[in-house]
PDB file of N, CA and C in Angstrom:
ATOM      1  N   UNK A   1     -15.842   9.778   1.921  1.00  0.00           N
ATOM      2  CA  UNK A   1     -16.192   8.557   1.554  1.00  0.00           C
ATOM      3  C   UNK A   1     -15.209   7.796   0.706  1.00  0.00           C
ATOM      4  N   UNK A   2     -14.469   8.708  -0.172  1.00  0.00           N
ATOM      5  CA  UNK A   2     -13.435   8.096  -0.968  1.00  0.00           C
ATOM      6  C   UNK A   2     -12.300   7.465  -0.264  1.00  0.00           C
ATOM      7  N   UNK A   3     -11.945   8.018   0.916  1.00  0.00           N
ATOM      8  CA  UNK A   3     -10.795   7.625   1.679  1.00  0.00           C
ATOM      9  C   UNK A   3     -11.263   6.654   2.727  1.00  0.00           C
ATOM     10  N   UNK A   4     -12.404   6.958   3.336  1.00  0.00           N
ATOM     11  CA  UNK A   4     -12.699   6.091   4.638  1.00  0.00           C
ATOM     12  C   UNK A   4     -13.993   5.177   4.292  1.00  0.00           C
ATOM     13  N   UNK A   5     -14.564   5.137   3.029  1.00  0.00           N
ATOM     14  CA  UNK A   5     -15.699   4.471   2.760  1.00  0.00           C
ATOM     15  C   UNK A   5     -15.464   2.941   2.684  1.00  0.00           C
ATOM     16  N   UNK A   6     -14.370   2.501   2.701  1.00  0.00           N
ATOM     17  CA  UNK A   6     -14.130   0.920   2.638  1.00  0.00           C
ATOM     18  C   UNK A   6     -14.213   0.354   3.930  1.00  0.00           C
ATOM     19  N   UNK A   7     -15.119  -0.761   4.012  1.00  0.00           N
ATOM     20  CA  UNK A   7     -15.134  -1.340   5.440  1.00  0.00           C
ATOM     21  C   UNK A   7     -14.841  -2.902   5.154  1.00  0.00           C
ATOM     22  N   UNK A   8     -14.553  -3.423   6.316  1.00  0.00           N
ATOM     23  CA  UNK A   8     -14.308  -4.787   6.261  1.00  0.00           C
ATOM     24  C   UNK A   8     -14.950  -5.444   7.651  1.00  0.00           C
ATOM     25  N   UNK A   9     -15.445  -6.569   7.446  1.00  0.00           N
ATOM     26  CA  UNK A   9     -16.026  -7.263   8.376  1.00  0.00           C
ATOM     27  C   UNK A   9     -14.864  -8.087   9.046  1.00  0.00           C
ATOM     28  N   UNK A  10     -14.783  -7.948  10.494  1.00  0.00           N
ATOM     29  CA  UNK A  10     -13.713  -8.447  11.244  1.00  0.00           C
ATOM     30  C   UNK A  10     -14.241  -9.846  11.939  1.00  0.00           C
ATOM     31  N   UNK A  11     -13.413 -10.798  11.779  1.00  0.00           N
ATOM     32  CA  UNK A  11     -13.880 -12.085  12.435  1.00  0.00           C
ATOM     33  C   UNK A  11     -13.206 -12.161  13.999  1.00  0.00           C
ATOM     34  N   UNK A  12     -13.717 -12.803  14.635  1.00  0.00           N
ATOM     35  CA  UNK A  12     -13.243 -13.128  16.088  1.00  0.00           C
ATOM     36  C   UNK A  12     -12.702 -14.517  16.166  1.00  0.00           C
ATOM     37  N   UNK A  13     -11.533 -14.839  16.706  1.00  0.00           N
ATOM     38  CA  UNK A  13     -10.960 -16.135  16.897  1.00  0.00           C
ATOM     39  C   UNK A  13     -11.712 -16.799  18.060  1.00  0.00           C
ATOM     40  N   UNK A  14     -11.482 -17.985  18.306  1.00  0.00           N
ATOM     41  CA  UNK A  14     -12.155 -18.708  19.403  1.00  0.00           C
ATOM     42  C   UNK A  14     -11.775 -18.188  20.830  1.00  0.00           C
ATOM     43  N   UNK A  15     -10.607 -17.477  20.889  1.00  0.00           N
ATOM     44  CA  UNK A  15     -10.322 -16.841  22.120  1.00  0.00           C
ATOM     45  C   UNK A  15     -10.792 -15.440  22.211  1.00  0.00           C
ATOM     46  N   UNK A  16     -11.499 -14.884  21.240  1.00  0.00           N
ATOM     47  CA  UNK A  16     -11.959 -13.590  21.347  1.00  0.00           C
ATOM     48  C   UNK A  16     -11.295 -12.490  20.609  1.00  0.00           C
ATOM     49  N   UNK A  17     -10.165 -12.765  20.124  1.00  0.00           N
ATOM     50  CA  UNK A  17      -9.243 -11.822  19.471  1.00  0.00           C
ATOM     51  C   UNK A  17      -9.770 -11.505  18.027  1.00  0.00           C
ATOM     52  N   UNK A  18      -9.662 -10.260  17.759  1.00  0.00           N
ATOM     53  CA  UNK A  18      -9.946  -9.863  16.377  1.00  0.00           C
ATOM     54  C   UNK A  18      -8.892 -10.464  15.443  1.00  0.00           C
ATOM     55  N   UNK A  19      -9.422 -10.844  14.334  1.00  0.00           N
ATOM     56  CA  UNK A  19      -8.560 -11.471  13.153  1.00  0.00           C
ATOM     57  C   UNK A  19      -8.476 -10.543  12.041  1.00  0.00           C
ATOM     58  N   UNK A  20      -7.485  -9.938  11.771  1.00  0.00           N
ATOM     59  CA  UNK A  20      -7.322  -8.873  10.785  1.00  0.00           C
ATOM     60  C   UNK A  20      -7.346  -9.569   9.497  1.00  0.00           C
ATOM     61  N   UNK A  21      -8.140  -9.123   8.419  1.00  0.00           N
ATOM     62  CA  UNK A  21      -7.990  -9.627   7.092  1.00  0.00           C
ATOM     63  C   UNK A  21      -6.758  -9.480   6.348  1.00  0.00           C
ATOM     64  N   UNK A  22      -6.445 -10.229   5.545  1.00  0.00           N
ATOM     65  CA  UNK A  22      -5.105 -10.142   4.831  1.00  0.00           C
ATOM     66  C   UNK A  22      -4.909  -8.789   4.095  1.00  0.00           C
ATOM     67  N   UNK A  23      -5.955  -8.370   3.659  1.00  0.00           N
ATOM     68  CA  UNK A  23      -5.938  -7.094   2.999  1.00  0.00           C
ATOM     69  C   UNK A  23      -5.352  -5.941   3.778  1.00  0.00           C
ATOM     70  N   UNK A  24      -5.960  -5.956   5.005  1.00  0.00           N
ATOM     71  CA  UNK A  24      -5.577  -5.073   5.797  1.00  0.00           C
ATOM     72  C   UNK A  24      -4.084  -5.140   6.363  1.00  0.00           C
ATOM     73  N   UNK A  25      -3.809  -6.488   6.665  1.00  0.00           N
ATOM     74  CA  UNK A  25      -2.351  -6.510   7.122  1.00  0.00           C
ATOM     75  C   UNK A  25      -1.498  -6.200   5.944  1.00  0.00           C
ATOM     76  N   UNK A  26      -1.715  -6.630   4.803  1.00  0.00           N
ATOM     77  CA  UNK A  26      -0.843  -6.327   3.570  1.00  0.00           C
ATOM     78  C   UNK A  26      -0.735  -4.624   3.605  1.00  0.00           C
ATOM     79  N   UNK A  27      -1.755  -4.058   3.529  1.00  0.00           N
ATOM     80  CA  UNK A  27      -1.838  -2.493   3.439  1.00  0.00           C
ATOM     81  C   UNK A  27      -0.977  -1.850   4.435  1.00  0.00           C
ATOM     82  N   UNK A  28      -1.044  -2.371   5.765  1.00  0.00           N
ATOM     83  CA  UNK A  28      -0.297  -1.717   6.934  1.00  0.00           C
ATOM     84  C   UNK A  28       1.126  -2.425   7.020  1.00  0.00           C
ATOM     85  N   UNK A  29       1.482  -3.413   6.143  1.00  0.00           N
ATOM     86  CA  UNK A  29       2.705  -4.088   6.392  1.00  0.00           C
ATOM     87  C   UNK A  29       2.937  -4.830   7.595  1.00  0.00           C
ATOM     88  N   UNK A  30       1.731  -5.330   8.268  1.00  0.00           N
ATOM     89  CA  UNK A  30       1.713  -5.964   9.584  1.00  0.00           C
ATOM     90  C   UNK A  30       2.084  -7.306   9.237  1.00  0.00           C
ATOM     91  N   UNK A  31       2.989  -7.975  10.128  1.00  0.00           N
ATOM     92  CA  UNK A  31       3.209  -9.457  10.167  1.00  0.00           C
ATOM     93  C   UNK A  31       2.915 -10.012  11.243  1.00  0.00           C
ATOM     94  N   UNK A  32       3.906 -10.102  12.178  1.00  0.00           N
ATOM     95  CA  UNK A  32       3.866 -10.803  13.376  1.00  0.00           C
ATOM     96  C   UNK A  32       3.768  -9.780  14.608  1.00  0.00           C
ATOM     97  N   UNK A  33       4.162  -8.524  14.358  1.00  0.00           N
ATOM     98  CA  UNK A  33       3.979  -7.590  15.508  1.00  0.00           C
ATOM     99  C   UNK A  33       3.230  -6.262  14.995  1.00  0.00           C
ATOM    100  N   UNK A  34       2.509  -5.643  15.910  1.00  0.00           N
ATOM    101  CA  UNK A  34       1.715  -4.481  15.532  1.00  0.00           C
ATOM    102  C   UNK A  34       1.789  -3.414  16.651  1.00  0.00           C
ATOM    103  N   UNK A  35       1.765  -2.179  16.290  1.00  0.00           N
ATOM    104  CA  UNK A  35       1.817  -1.035  17.211  1.00  0.00           C
ATOM    105  C   UNK A  35       0.430  -0.425  17.112  1.00  0.00           C
ATOM    106  N   UNK A  36      -0.205  -0.328  18.345  1.00  0.00           N
ATOM    107  CA  UNK A  36      -1.563   0.382  18.548  1.00  0.00           C
ATOM    108  C   UNK A  36      -1.374   1.802  18.813  1.00  0.00           C
ATOM    109  N   UNK A  37      -1.785   2.684  17.965  1.00  0.00           N
ATOM    110  CA  UNK A  37      -1.253   4.223  18.190  1.00  0.00           C
ATOM    111  C   UNK A  37      -2.732   4.952  18.516  1.00  0.00           C
ATOM    112  N   UNK A  38      -2.686   5.538  19.674  1.00  0.00           N
ATOM    113  CA  UNK A  38      -3.988   6.259  20.051  1.00  0.00           C
ATOM    114  C   UNK A  38      -4.114   7.354  19.378  1.00  0.00           C
ATOM    115  N   UNK A  39      -5.136   7.684  18.813  1.00  0.00           N
ATOM    116  CA  UNK A  39      -5.660   8.996  18.148  1.00  0.00           C
ATOM    117  C   UNK A  39      -6.782   9.603  18.623  1.00  0.00           C
ATOM    118  N   UNK A  40      -6.801   9.948  19.936  1.00  0.00           N
ATOM    119  CA  UNK A  40      -7.894  10.558  20.552  1.00  0.00           C
ATOM    120  C   UNK A  40      -9.029   9.494  20.793  1.00  0.00           C
ATOM    121  N   UNK A  41     -10.211   9.581  20.229  1.00  0.00           N
ATOM    122  CA  UNK A  41     -11.238   8.511  20.335  1.00  0.00           C
ATOM    123  C   UNK A  41     -11.137   7.372  19.434  1.00  0.00           C
ATOM    124  N   UNK A  42     -10.031   7.250  18.764  1.00  0.00           N
ATOM    125  CA  UNK A  42      -9.914   5.929  17.820  1.00  0.00           C
ATOM    126  C   UNK A  42      -8.426   5.771  18.040  1.00  0.00           C
ATOM    127  N   UNK A  43      -8.112   4.675  17.360  1.00  0.00           N
ATOM    128  CA  UNK A  43      -6.660   4.081  17.261  1.00  0.00           C
ATOM    129  C   UNK A  43      -6.272   3.608  15.806  1.00  0.00           C
ATOM    130  N   UNK A  44      -5.075   3.683  15.486  1.00  0.00           N
ATOM    131  CA  UNK A  44      -4.485   3.087  14.146  1.00  0.00           C
ATOM    132  C   UNK A  44      -3.628   1.902  14.725  1.00  0.00           C
ATOM    133  N   UNK A  45      -3.452   1.095  13.617  1.00  0.00           N
ATOM    134  CA  UNK A  45      -2.546  -0.257  13.880  1.00  0.00           C
ATOM    135  C   UNK A  45      -1.408  -0.061  12.746  1.00  0.00           C
ATOM    136  N   UNK A  46      -0.249  -0.015  13.128  1.00  0.00           N
ATOM    137  CA  UNK A  46       0.971   0.202  12.310  1.00  0.00           C
ATOM    138  C   UNK A  46       1.836  -0.937  12.513  1.00  0.00           C
ATOM    139  N   UNK A  47       2.673  -1.118  11.366  1.00  0.00           N
ATOM    140  CA  UNK A  47       3.970  -1.950  11.468  1.00  0.00           C
ATOM    141  C   UNK A  47       4.922  -1.065  12.355  1.00  0.00           C
ATOM    142  N   UNK A  48       5.398  -1.748  13.424  1.00  0.00           N
ATOM    143  CA  UNK A  48       6.137  -0.991  14.536  1.00  0.00           C
ATOM    144  C   UNK A  48       7.465  -0.170  13.918  1.00  0.00           C
ATOM    145  N   UNK A  49       8.000  -0.778  12.921  1.00  0.00           N
ATOM    146  CA  UNK A  49       9.163   0.012  12.279  1.00  0.00           C
ATOM    147  C   UNK A  49       8.663   1.149  11.419  1.00  0.00           C
ATOM    148  N   UNK A  50       7.638   1.010  10.566  1.00  0.00           N
ATOM    149  CA  UNK A  50       7.258   2.098   9.867  1.00  0.00           C
ATOM    150  C   UNK A  50       6.607   3.128  10.758  1.00  0.00           C
ATOM    151  N   UNK A  51       5.996   2.918  11.899  1.00  0.00           N
ATOM    152  CA  UNK A  51       5.526   3.815  12.716  1.00  0.00           C
ATOM    153  C   UNK A  51       6.539   4.588  13.308  1.00  0.00           C
ATOM    154  N   UNK A  52       7.689   3.982  13.739  1.00  0.00           N
ATOM    155  CA  UNK A  52       8.926   4.616  14.389  1.00  0.00           C
ATOM    156  C   UNK A  52       9.424   5.731  13.515  1.00  0.00           C
ATOM    157  N   UNK A  53       9.633   5.281  12.207  1.00  0.00           N
ATOM    158  CA  UNK A  53      10.083   6.151  11.192  1.00  0.00           C
ATOM    159  C   UNK A  53       9.005   7.302  10.841  1.00  0.00           C
ATOM    160  N   UNK A  54       7.747   7.087  10.840  1.00  0.00           N
ATOM    161  CA  UNK A  54       6.629   8.087  10.555  1.00  0.00           C
ATOM    162  C   UNK A  54       6.656   9.081  11.946  1.00  0.00           C
ATOM    163  N   UNK A  55       6.738   8.579  12.957  1.00  0.00           N
ATOM    164  CA  UNK A  55       6.703   9.390  14.206  1.00  0.00           C
ATOM    165  C   UNK A  55       8.009  10.314  14.409  1.00  0.00           C
ATOM    166  N   UNK A  56       9.111   9.777  13.961  1.00  0.00           N
ATOM    167  CA  UNK A  56      10.368  10.592  14.075  1.00  0.00           C
ATOM    168  C   UNK A  56      10.125  11.666  13.091  1.00  0.00           C
ATOM    169  N   UNK A  57       9.689  11.454  11.811  1.00  0.00           N
ATOM    170  CA  UNK A  57       9.543  12.545  10.763  1.00  0.00           C
ATOM    171  C   UNK A  57       8.498  13.502  11.240  1.00  0.00           C
ATOM    172  N   UNK A  58       7.398  13.038  11.852  1.00  0.00           N
ATOM    173  CA  UNK A  58       6.304  13.912  12.248  1.00  0.00           C
ATOM    174  C   UNK A  58       6.878  14.814  13.436  1.00  0.00           C
ATOM    175  N   UNK A  59       7.646  14.174  14.356  1.00  0.00           N
ATOM    176  CA  UNK A  59       8.255  15.116  15.293  1.00  0.00           C
ATOM    177  C   UNK A  59       9.130  16.043  14.846  1.00  0.00           C
ATOM    178  N   UNK A  60       9.974  15.813  13.698  1.00  0.00           N
ATOM    179  CA  UNK A  60      10.961  16.654  13.201  1.00  0.00           C
ATOM    180  C   UNK A  60      10.155  17.865  12.552  1.00  0.00           C
ATOM    181  N   UNK A  61       9.009  17.484  11.733  1.00  0.00           N
ATOM    182  CA  UNK A  61       8.255  18.500  11.146  1.00  0.00           C
ATOM    183  C   UNK A  61       7.570  19.586  12.276  1.00  0.00           C
ATOM    184  N   UNK A  62       6.992  18.985  13.201  1.00  0.00           N
ATOM    185  CA  UNK A  62       6.432  19.916  14.336  1.00  0.00           C
ATOM    186  C   UNK A  62       7.502  20.553  14.941  1.00  0.00           C
ATOM    187  N   UNK A  63       8.611  20.253  15.139  1.00  0.00           N
ATOM    188  CA  UNK A  63       9.536  21.127  15.693  1.00  0.00           C
ATOM    189  C   UNK A  63       9.887  22.175  14.821  1.00  0.00           C
ATOM    190  N   UNK A  64       9.925  21.920  13.420  1.00  0.00           N
ATOM    191  CA  UNK A  64      10.144  22.914  12.619  1.00  0.00           C
ATOM    192  C   UNK A  64       9.311  23.882  12.465  1.00  0.00           C
ATOM    193  N   UNK A  65       7.957  23.665  12.515  1.00  0.00           N
ATOM    194  CA  UNK A  65       6.841  24.541  12.535  1.00  0.00           C
ATOM    195  C   UNK A  65       6.893  25.487  13.869  1.00  0.00           C
ATOM    196  N   UNK A  66       7.184  24.699  15.044  1.00  0.00           N
ATOM    197  CA  UNK A  66       7.182  25.492  16.252  1.00  0.00           C
ATOM    198  C   UNK A  66       8.534  26.345  16.413  1.00  0.00           C
ATOM    199  N   UNK A  67       9.746  25.930  15.914  1.00  0.00           N
ATOM    200  CA  UNK A  67      10.773  26.704  16.063  1.00  0.00           C
ATOM    201  C   UNK A  67      11.212  27.567  14.757  1.00  0.00           C
ATOM    202  N   UNK A  68      10.291  27.483  13.743  1.00  0.00           N
ATOM    203  CA  UNK A  68      10.756  27.966  12.511  1.00  0.00           C
ATOM    204  C   UNK A  68      11.581  27.208  11.581  1.00  0.00           C
ATOM    205  N   UNK A  69      12.645  27.660  10.983  1.00  0.00           N
ATOM    206  CA  UNK A  69      13.532  26.906  10.102  1.00  0.00           C
ATOM    207  C   UNK A  69      14.053  25.827  10.942  1.00  0.00           C
ATOM    208  N   UNK A  70      14.648  24.757  10.250  1.00  0.00           N
ATOM    209  CA  UNK A  70      15.427  23.551  10.868  1.00  0.00           C
ATOM    210  C   UNK A  70      16.637  24.246  11.834  1.00  0.00           C
ATOM    211  N   UNK A  71      16.712  23.798  12.926  1.00  0.00           N
ATOM    212  CA  UNK A  71      17.708  24.364  13.847  1.00  0.00           C
ATOM    213  C   UNK A  71      19.071  23.463  13.800  1.00  0.00           C
ATOM    214  N   UNK A  72      20.096  24.143  13.519  1.00  0.00           N
ATOM    215  CA  UNK A  72      21.505  23.437  13.495  1.00  0.00           C
ATOM    216  C   UNK A  72      21.669  22.831  14.893  1.00  0.00           C
ATOM    217  N   UNK A  73      22.237  21.707  14.873  1.00  0.00           N
ATOM    218  CA  UNK A  73      22.434  21.012  16.192  1.00  0.00           C
ATOM    219  C   UNK A  73      21.389  20.379  16.912  1.00  0.00           C
ATOM    220  N   UNK A  74      20.045  20.627  16.381  1.00  0.00           N
ATOM    221  CA  UNK A  74      19.075  19.889  17.026  1.00  0.00           C
ATOM    222  C   UNK A  74      19.041  18.575  17.063  1.00  0.00           C
ATOM    223  N   UNK A  75      18.892  18.049  18.178  1.00  0.00           N
ATOM    224  CA  UNK A  75      19.131  16.545  18.252  1.00  0.00           C
ATOM    225  C   UNK A  75      17.644  15.848  17.928  1.00  0.00           C
ATOM    226  N   UNK A  76      17.865  14.923  17.013  1.00  0.00           N
ATOM    227  CA  UNK A  76      16.674  14.136  16.379  1.00  0.00           C
ATOM    228  C   UNK A  76      16.256  13.149  17.426  1.00  0.00           C
ATOM    229  N   UNK A  77      15.036  12.669  17.260  1.00  0.00           N
ATOM    230  CA  UNK A  77      14.588  11.503  18.159  1.00  0.00           C
ATOM    231  C   UNK A  77      15.458  10.278  18.058  1.00  0.00           C
ATOM    232  N   UNK A  78      16.192  10.125  17.006  1.00  0.00           N
ATOM    233  CA  UNK A  78      17.168   9.059  16.984  1.00  0.00           C
ATOM    234  C   UNK A  78      18.471   9.369  17.710  1.00  0.00           C
ATOM    235  N   UNK A  79      18.686  10.550  18.210  1.00  0.00           N
ATOM    236  CA  UNK A  79      19.752  10.760  19.098  1.00  0.00           C
ATOM    237  C   UNK A  79      20.786  11.482  18.220  1.00  0.00           C
ATOM    238  N   UNK A  80      20.659  11.663  16.883  1.00  0.00           N
ATOM    239  CA  UNK A  80      21.814  12.261  16.010  1.00  0.00           C
ATOM    240  C   UNK A  80      21.566  13.703  15.989  1.00  0.00           C
ATOM    241  N   UNK A  81      22.516  14.631  15.786  1.00  0.00           N
ATOM    242  CA  UNK A  81      22.222  15.982  15.569  1.00  0.00           C
ATOM    243  C   UNK A  81      21.681  16.034  14.051  1.00  0.00           C
ATOM    244  N   UNK A  82      20.902  17.021  13.985  1.00  0.00           N
ATOM    245  CA  UNK A  82      20.273  17.438  12.722  1.00  0.00           C
ATOM    246  C   UNK A  82      20.821  18.551  11.887  1.00  0.00           C
TER     247      UNK A  82
END
């Protein structure tokens, strides 16, 4: 409840689109573009640049868990050797 207990009423525009409250846009750093990220039965909305950074780091951590310690010469999602 402490983390997910905050709720917002979403408004719909005249064309049926959801209008995000400023508080949510500011929290997520969303301006004029948004990435919708599927999370199984739900989704998250991210600032596209922040999501790209988060995803690259998450992939790096996942590979380290699967492969053990960081691997020399492992190519990162950005294309550079790690």
